[in-house]
């Protein structure tokens, strides 16, 4: 009976060792992938739930702070481990849309307002900057200071 218990204990120890090594390799691969994707201009999610854009990040020296822009002109320093993950943009695929659905405006032409009478389009909607635009804006702001 004791031999059976020692055998079971040995199997559990071996399982824990093998499983721990596999998890360690997986975590190392995830960290390396995150480090290669973390470049200036990439949108990230921080540990505190704050979204921001990377301004500066040193892959080699993880003790140096990463600079993250959380609002236009507001750059904060965070520890490199505070970056939880890279936020991937969700693109709408044209194939997913129903090609059979056709939207038709059934308003008679006489009832439609001329283009000159329509309200002008406003820039109230936030525009999304590309990584290059963010870098140029930050360099321009740094030159002004």
Protein backbone atom coordinates (compact mmCIF):
# COMPACT_ATOMS: atom_id res chain seq x y z
CA UNK A 1 0.00 0.00 0.00
CA UNK A 2 2.82 2.41 0.86
CA UNK A 3 4.58 1.65 -2.42
CA UNK A 4 1.42 2.52 -4.31
CA UNK A 5 1.18 5.89 -2.52
CA UNK A 6 4.85 6.68 -3.21
CA UNK A 7 4.32 5.74 -6.86
CA UNK A 8 1.31 8.03 -7.09
CA UNK A 9 3.28 10.83 -5.43
CA UNK A 10 6.14 10.33 -7.89
CA UNK A 11 3.74 10.53 -10.84
CA UNK A 12 2.22 13.75 -9.48
CA UNK A 13 5.66 15.32 -8.97
CA UNK A 14 6.72 14.42 -12.52
CA UNK A 15 3.43 15.79 -13.90
CA UNK A 16 3.86 19.06 -11.98
CA UNK A 17 7.43 19.43 -13.26
CA UNK A 18 6.53 18.75 -16.90
CA UNK A 19 3.44 20.98 -16.76
CA UNK A 20 5.42 23.80 -15.11
CA UNK A 21 8.13 23.67 -17.80
CA UNK A 22 5.51 23.77 -20.56
CA UNK A 23 3.77 26.77 -18.97
CA UNK A 24 7.11 28.54 -18.50
CA UNK A 25 7.98 28.11 -22.19
CA UNK A 26 4.53 29.37 -23.20
CA UNK A 27 4.84 32.47 -21.01
CA UNK A 28 8.32 33.21 -22.39
CA UNK A 29 7.01 32.96 -25.96
CA UNK A 30 4.11 35.31 -25.12
CA UNK A 31 6.51 37.83 -23.55
CA UNK A 32 8.78 37.76 -26.59
CA UNK A 33 5.81 38.23 -28.91
CA UNK A 34 4.57 41.19 -26.84
CA UNK A 35 8.05 42.72 -26.86
CA UNK A 36 8.31 42.51 -30.66
CA UNK A 37 4.84 44.01 -31.17
CA UNK A 38 5.39 46.85 -28.67
CA UNK A 39 6.62 49.66 -30.92
CA UNK A 40 5.84 53.39 -30.90
CA UNK A 41 2.38 54.12 -32.28
CA UNK A 42 0.77 50.85 -31.13
CA UNK A 43 -2.36 51.03 -28.99
CA UNK A 44 -2.04 49.16 -25.68
CA UNK A 45 -4.09 48.29 -22.62
CA UNK A 46 -2.39 48.98 -19.28
CA UNK A 47 -2.86 46.98 -16.08
CA UNK A 48 -5.16 49.65 -14.62
CA UNK A 49 -7.56 49.44 -17.55
CA UNK A 50 -6.24 52.57 -19.29
CA UNK A 51 -5.88 52.53 -23.05
CA UNK A 52 -3.00 54.45 -24.57
CA UNK A 53 -0.53 54.68 -27.43
CA UNK A 54 3.13 53.74 -27.01
CA UNK A 55 5.48 56.70 -27.50
CA UNK A 56 8.76 55.12 -26.37
CA UNK A 57 9.64 51.59 -25.25
CA UNK A 58 13.02 49.93 -24.71
CA UNK A 59 12.96 46.20 -25.47
CA UNK A 60 16.36 45.55 -23.91
CA UNK A 61 16.09 47.51 -20.63
CA UNK A 62 12.79 46.50 -19.04
CA UNK A 63 13.54 48.59 -15.94
CA UNK A 64 13.35 51.82 -17.95
CA UNK A 65 9.84 53.27 -18.07
CA UNK A 66 7.72 53.09 -21.19
CA UNK A 67 6.14 56.35 -22.34
CA UNK A 68 2.44 55.99 -23.08
CA UNK A 69 0.18 58.72 -24.47
CA UNK A 70 -3.26 58.40 -22.88
CA UNK A 71 -4.73 61.57 -24.41
CA UNK A 72 -3.45 64.00 -27.04
CA UNK A 73 -0.53 65.76 -25.38
CA UNK A 74 -0.71 63.69 -22.15
CA UNK A 75 2.22 61.29 -21.90
CA UNK A 76 2.77 59.16 -18.79
CA UNK A 77 5.65 56.94 -17.71
CA UNK A 78 4.73 53.38 -16.80
CA UNK A 79 6.74 50.30 -15.93
CA UNK A 80 7.16 48.05 -18.94
CA UNK A 81 5.35 45.25 -17.11
CA UNK A 82 2.30 47.50 -16.69
CA UNK A 83 1.52 46.93 -20.37
CA UNK A 84 -1.08 44.19 -20.23
CA UNK A 85 -1.57 43.55 -23.93
CA UNK A 86 -1.49 45.03 -27.40
CA UNK A 87 -4.91 46.12 -28.64
CA UNK A 88 -5.54 44.72 -32.09
CA UNK A 89 -7.86 46.79 -34.30
CA UNK A 90 -11.01 45.00 -35.32
CA UNK A 91 -11.47 45.35 -39.06
CA UNK A 92 -14.81 44.81 -40.70
CA UNK A 93 -14.48 42.23 -43.42
CA UNK A 94 -16.53 42.97 -46.52
CA UNK A 95 -17.28 39.28 -46.97
CA UNK A 96 -19.14 39.22 -43.65
CA UNK A 97 -21.65 41.80 -44.86
CA UNK A 98 -24.84 40.66 -46.56
CA UNK A 99 -24.42 41.39 -50.25
CA UNK A 100 -28.11 40.63 -50.83
CA UNK A 101 -29.32 43.56 -48.73
CA UNK A 102 -29.81 46.77 -50.69
CA UNK A 103 -30.74 49.99 -48.94
CA UNK A 104 -32.96 52.23 -51.03
CA UNK A 105 -34.04 55.75 -50.12
CA UNK A 106 -37.73 55.81 -51.02
CA UNK A 107 -38.17 59.54 -50.44
CA UNK A 108 -39.34 61.25 -53.66
CA UNK A 109 -36.77 63.58 -55.15
CA UNK A 110 -39.11 66.55 -54.77
CA UNK A 111 -39.26 66.00 -50.99
CA UNK A 112 -35.49 65.73 -50.54
CA UNK A 113 -33.64 68.85 -49.46
CA UNK A 114 -31.05 70.22 -51.87
CA UNK A 115 -27.44 69.66 -50.88
CA UNK A 116 -26.98 73.34 -50.10
CA UNK A 117 -29.79 73.21 -47.49
CA UNK A 118 -28.41 70.15 -45.72
CA UNK A 119 -26.42 70.65 -42.53
CA UNK A 120 -22.68 70.58 -43.14
CA UNK A 121 -20.72 67.62 -41.87
CA UNK A 122 -18.93 68.36 -38.63
CA UNK A 123 -15.69 66.99 -37.27
CA UNK A 124 -17.23 66.06 -33.92
CA UNK A 125 -16.44 62.40 -34.43
CA UNK A 126 -12.98 61.48 -33.12
CA UNK A 127 -10.50 60.61 -35.82
CA UNK A 128 -8.14 57.69 -35.41
CA UNK A 129 -4.46 58.48 -35.88
CA UNK A 130 -2.08 56.10 -37.53
CA UNK A 131 1.18 55.24 -35.85
CA UNK A 132 3.12 57.55 -38.19
CA UNK A 133 0.73 60.46 -37.52
CA UNK A 134 1.14 59.97 -33.77
CA UNK A 135 4.94 60.00 -34.05
CA UNK A 136 4.90 63.16 -36.22
CA UNK A 137 2.51 64.94 -33.84
CA UNK A 138 4.60 64.04 -30.81
CA UNK A 139 7.81 65.16 -32.52
CA UNK A 140 6.11 68.41 -33.56
CA UNK A 141 4.87 68.96 -29.98
CA UNK A 142 8.35 68.25 -28.60
CA UNK A 143 9.87 70.78 -31.00
CA UNK A 144 7.40 73.45 -29.85
CA UNK A 145 8.38 73.07 -26.18
